[in-house]
């Protein structure tokens, strides 16, 4: 009898997907809530379009800058820890060797094997430091372009997401008509976005879709009714 081959399926969240999720989440939600709030307070779609576009531009810059600073901080932290490990390897080699042996002991290797591996590793300083960074500190070397790429990915994703709820206002004569179409289009997009976000992160797809859709809808509804309340 032929044995059935089992294929393991795992999702490894890439940096690009992470950036898109961050940008699109806020891009769909914040301008949607802003447009909904303005629809309850003003009577000119022109005002909503201008305010919405201004928010999208400002929001994309702010989100992109946040992504850049986060990526830069990750790189700076790694470089600082790498310099510290290099100093310890040069000045405290026996202590560092002991730390390596402890790591291998935790993997179940014998004392003899531990010493053999450590002695070989100590011959290559770069590999030794890299091992300590990964297995002692749990740090992977970040991409040198990570900060720039993250800023672009998040900023552009925010713009794409932000134009979705604003687009109906370009083609309607009244804010309420714009809001109706905006709500329909954005809610559908939020559902689709939530579905794929949950799929990529290994969560329940329908539950994730409804959760994202509900958050965006509640935010927009709250903004609309609060604007109406204060406007009256």
Protein backbone atom coordinates (compact mmCIF):
# COMPACT_ATOMS: atom_id res chain seq x y z
CA UNK A 1 0.00 0.00 0.00
CA UNK A 2 1.43 3.30 -1.08
CA UNK A 3 1.99 5.68 1.81
CA UNK A 4 0.22 9.01 1.45
CA UNK A 5 2.62 11.90 1.25
CA UNK A 6 1.91 14.58 3.84
CA UNK A 7 2.67 18.11 2.75
CA UNK A 8 2.97 20.65 5.52
CA UNK A 9 1.61 24.07 4.71
CA UNK A 10 2.92 27.02 6.63
CA UNK A 11 2.61 30.71 5.92
CA UNK A 12 5.74 32.77 6.39
CA UNK A 13 4.62 36.36 6.63
CA UNK A 14 6.88 38.43 4.42
CA UNK A 15 7.87 41.99 5.20
CA UNK A 16 5.97 43.18 2.12
CA UNK A 17 2.71 41.57 3.26
CA UNK A 18 3.18 43.00 6.76
CA UNK A 19 3.67 46.50 5.35
CA UNK A 20 0.64 46.22 3.08
CA UNK A 21 -1.54 45.06 5.97
CA UNK A 22 -0.42 48.02 8.10
CA UNK A 23 -0.98 50.56 5.35
CA UNK A 24 -4.24 49.19 4.01
CA UNK A 25 -5.79 48.74 7.46
CA UNK A 26 -5.51 52.42 8.31
CA UNK A 27 -5.94 53.55 4.71
CA UNK A 28 -9.37 51.98 4.40
CA UNK A 29 -10.55 52.89 7.89
CA UNK A 30 -9.38 56.44 8.69
CA UNK A 31 -10.41 58.24 5.45
CA UNK A 32 -13.70 56.28 5.52
CA UNK A 33 -14.45 57.57 9.02
CA UNK A 34 -13.36 61.09 8.06
CA UNK A 35 -15.55 61.17 4.96
CA UNK A 36 -18.49 59.76 6.90
CA UNK A 37 -18.07 62.37 9.61
CA UNK A 38 -17.88 65.21 7.10
CA UNK A 39 -20.92 63.85 5.29
CA UNK A 40 -22.90 64.40 8.46
CA UNK A 41 -21.69 67.98 8.87
CA UNK A 42 -21.25 69.60 5.45
CA UNK A 43 -23.37 69.88 2.30
CA UNK A 44 -20.67 70.10 -0.34
CA UNK A 45 -18.89 67.04 -1.72
CA UNK A 46 -16.07 69.33 -2.87
CA UNK A 47 -15.16 69.99 0.76
CA UNK A 48 -15.13 66.27 1.56
CA UNK A 49 -12.92 65.48 -1.45
CA UNK A 50 -10.39 68.18 -0.57
CA UNK A 51 -10.31 67.24 3.13
CA UNK A 52 -10.15 63.55 2.29
CA UNK A 53 -7.27 63.93 -0.16
CA UNK A 54 -5.40 66.10 2.33
CA UNK A 55 -5.84 63.41 4.98
CA UNK A 56 -4.69 60.66 2.61
CA UNK A 57 -1.53 62.58 1.74
CA UNK A 58 -0.79 63.48 5.36
CA UNK A 59 -1.67 59.98 6.58
CA UNK A 60 0.49 58.23 4.00
CA UNK A 61 3.47 60.44 4.89
CA UNK A 62 2.96 59.85 8.62
CA UNK A 63 2.49 56.10 8.21
CA UNK A 64 5.44 55.85 5.81
CA UNK A 65 7.65 57.80 8.21
CA UNK A 66 6.59 55.50 11.02
CA UNK A 67 7.54 52.48 8.92
CA UNK A 68 10.89 54.06 8.07
CA UNK A 69 11.71 54.82 11.70
CA UNK A 70 10.70 51.30 12.75
CA UNK A 71 12.94 49.76 10.07
CA UNK A 72 15.81 52.12 10.93
CA UNK A 73 15.48 51.29 14.62
CA UNK A 74 15.62 47.56 13.83
CA UNK A 75 18.81 48.04 11.81
CA UNK A 76 20.44 50.27 14.45
CA UNK A 77 19.57 47.80 17.21
CA UNK A 78 21.05 44.90 15.27
CA UNK A 79 24.26 46.80 14.49
CA UNK A 80 24.67 47.85 18.14
CA UNK A 81 24.21 44.27 19.37
CA UNK A 82 26.58 42.98 16.69
CA UNK A 83 29.32 45.36 17.83
CA UNK A 84 28.80 44.24 21.43
CA UNK A 85 29.07 40.56 20.43
CA UNK A 86 32.22 41.25 18.42
CA UNK A 87 33.79 42.94 21.44
CA UNK A 88 32.86 40.01 23.69
CA UNK A 89 34.27 37.48 21.22
CA UNK A 90 37.55 39.42 21.11
CA UNK A 91 37.84 40.18 24.83
CA UNK A 92 35.85 37.41 26.57
CA UNK A 93 36.29 34.40 24.28
CA UNK A 94 36.07 31.71 26.99
CA UNK A 95 32.81 33.11 28.33
CA UNK A 96 31.39 33.25 24.81
CA UNK A 97 32.48 29.66 24.17
CA UNK A 98 30.69 28.59 27.32
CA UNK A 99 27.54 30.34 26.15
CA UNK A 100 27.73 28.45 22.86
CA UNK A 101 28.16 25.15 24.72
CA UNK A 102 25.09 25.94 26.81
CA UNK A 103 23.08 26.49 23.63
CA UNK A 104 24.20 23.15 22.19
CA UNK A 105 23.61 21.42 25.51
CA UNK A 106 20.02 22.61 25.30
CA UNK A 107 19.83 20.88 21.93
CA UNK A 108 20.87 17.60 23.53
CA UNK A 109 24.42 17.36 22.16
CA UNK A 110 27.10 15.54 24.14
CA UNK A 111 29.95 17.38 25.88
CA UNK A 112 32.48 16.04 23.38
CA UNK A 113 30.41 17.21 20.41
CA UNK A 114 29.86 20.59 22.03
CA UNK A 115 33.59 21.19 22.44
CA UNK A 116 34.36 20.06 18.88
CA UNK A 117 31.78 22.39 17.36
CA UNK A 118 32.80 25.33 19.55
CA UNK A 119 36.49 24.89 18.68
CA UNK A 120 35.67 24.86 14.95
CA UNK A 121 33.34 27.83 15.26
CA UNK A 122 35.93 29.89 17.13
CA UNK A 123 38.19 29.76 14.06
CA UNK A 124 35.78 31.99 12.12
CA UNK A 125 34.93 35.15 14.05
CA UNK A 126 32.23 36.30 11.62
CA UNK A 127 30.36 32.98 11.78
CA UNK A 128 30.78 32.88 15.56
CA UNK A 129 29.26 36.34 15.97
CA UNK A 130 26.47 35.50 13.54
CA UNK A 131 25.67 32.36 15.54
CA UNK A 132 25.50 34.33 18.79
CA UNK A 133 23.28 36.96 17.22
CA UNK A 134 20.83 34.38 15.98
CA UNK A 135 20.75 31.79 18.76
CA UNK A 136 21.69 33.79 21.86
CA UNK A 137 19.86 37.04 21.07
CA UNK A 138 17.29 35.74 18.58
CA UNK A 139 18.15 38.44 16.02
CA UNK A 140 18.18 37.99 12.25
CA UNK A 141 20.24 40.40 10.15
CA UNK A 142 17.76 42.94 8.71
CA UNK A 143 17.79 44.03 5.09
CA UNK A 144 19.78 47.24 4.71
CA UNK A 145 16.97 48.60 2.49
CA UNK A 146 14.25 47.60 4.96
CA UNK A 147 13.57 51.11 6.28
CA UNK A 148 13.19 52.65 2.82
CA UNK A 149 11.12 49.78 1.45
CA UNK A 150 8.86 49.75 4.49
CA UNK A 151 8.18 53.48 4.16
CA UNK A 152 7.25 53.13 0.48
CA UNK A 153 5.14 50.00 0.95
CA UNK A 154 3.16 51.37 3.88
CA UNK A 155 2.73 54.84 2.37
CA UNK A 156 1.54 53.57 -1.01
CA UNK A 157 -0.78 51.02 0.62
CA UNK A 158 -2.32 53.80 2.69
CA UNK A 159 -2.94 55.88 -0.45
CA UNK A 160 -4.56 52.96 -2.28
CA UNK A 161 -6.74 52.13 0.70
CA UNK A 162 -7.63 55.79 1.33
CA UNK A 163 -8.81 56.43 -2.23
CA UNK A 164 -11.40 53.65 -1.96
CA UNK A 165 -13.84 55.43 0.40
CA UNK A 166 -13.21 58.81 -1.25
CA UNK A 167 -13.77 57.75 -4.87
CA UNK A 168 -17.62 57.89 -4.82
CA UNK A 169 -17.55 61.54 -3.75
CA UNK A 170 -15.94 62.44 -7.08
CA UNK A 171 -19.06 61.30 -8.93
CA UNK A 172 -21.97 62.25 -6.63
CA UNK A 173 -23.67 65.59 -6.14
CA UNK A 174 -24.49 65.36 -2.43
CA UNK A 175 -22.48 64.09 0.56
CA UNK A 176 -25.21 61.65 1.58
CA UNK A 177 -25.24 60.02 -1.86
CA UNK A 178 -21.47 59.85 -1.72
CA UNK A 179 -21.61 58.28 1.72
CA UNK A 180 -24.07 55.60 0.59
CA UNK A 181 -21.84 54.47 -2.26
CA UNK A 182 -18.71 54.91 -0.17
CA UNK A 183 -20.17 52.71 2.56
CA UNK A 184 -21.10 49.95 0.13
CA UNK A 185 -17.75 49.94 -1.68
CA UNK A 186 -15.63 50.32 1.45
CA UNK A 187 -17.48 47.69 3.48
CA UNK A 188 -17.01 45.20 0.64
CA UNK A 189 -13.31 46.09 0.39
CA UNK A 190 -12.90 45.81 4.17
CA UNK A 191 -14.49 42.35 4.06
CA UNK A 192 -12.20 41.21 1.22
CA UNK A 193 -9.15 42.74 2.88
CA UNK A 194 -10.01 41.12 6.22
CA UNK A 195 -10.53 37.76 4.50
CA UNK A 196 -7.09 37.74 2.87
CA UNK A 197 -5.42 39.19 5.96
CA UNK A 198 -6.83 36.33 8.03
CA UNK A 199 -5.82 33.81 5.36
CA UNK A 200 -2.23 35.03 5.28
CA UNK A 201 -1.95 35.03 9.08
CA UNK A 202 -3.54 31.61 9.54
CA UNK A 203 -6.71 32.83 11.29
CA UNK A 204 -10.35 31.97 10.62
CA UNK A 205 -10.99 33.71 7.29
CA UNK A 206 -14.67 34.61 7.73
CA UNK A 207 -14.19 35.67 11.33
CA UNK A 208 -11.26 37.87 10.34
CA UNK A 209 -13.23 39.37 7.43
CA UNK A 210 -16.21 40.25 9.60
CA UNK A 211 -13.97 41.66 12.33
CA UNK A 212 -12.19 44.08 9.98
CA UNK A 213 -15.47 45.05 8.32
CA UNK A 214 -17.14 45.68 11.68
CA UNK A 215 -14.30 47.86 12.99
CA UNK A 216 -14.33 50.06 9.90
CA UNK A 217 -18.12 50.32 9.85
CA UNK A 218 -18.38 51.21 13.53
CA UNK A 219 -15.71 53.90 13.19
CA UNK A 220 -17.46 55.49 10.20
CA UNK A 221 -20.91 55.29 11.81
CA UNK A 222 -19.63 56.85 15.03
CA UNK A 223 -17.97 59.70 13.11
CA UNK A 224 -21.15 60.35 11.09
CA UNK A 225 -23.55 60.45 14.04
CA UNK A 226 -21.23 62.52 16.22
CA UNK A 227 -20.82 65.05 13.40
CA UNK A 228 -24.60 65.15 12.93
CA UNK A 229 -25.12 65.62 16.66
CA UNK A 230 -22.76 68.56 16.96
CA UNK A 231 -23.91 70.04 13.67
CA UNK A 232 -27.49 70.19 14.93
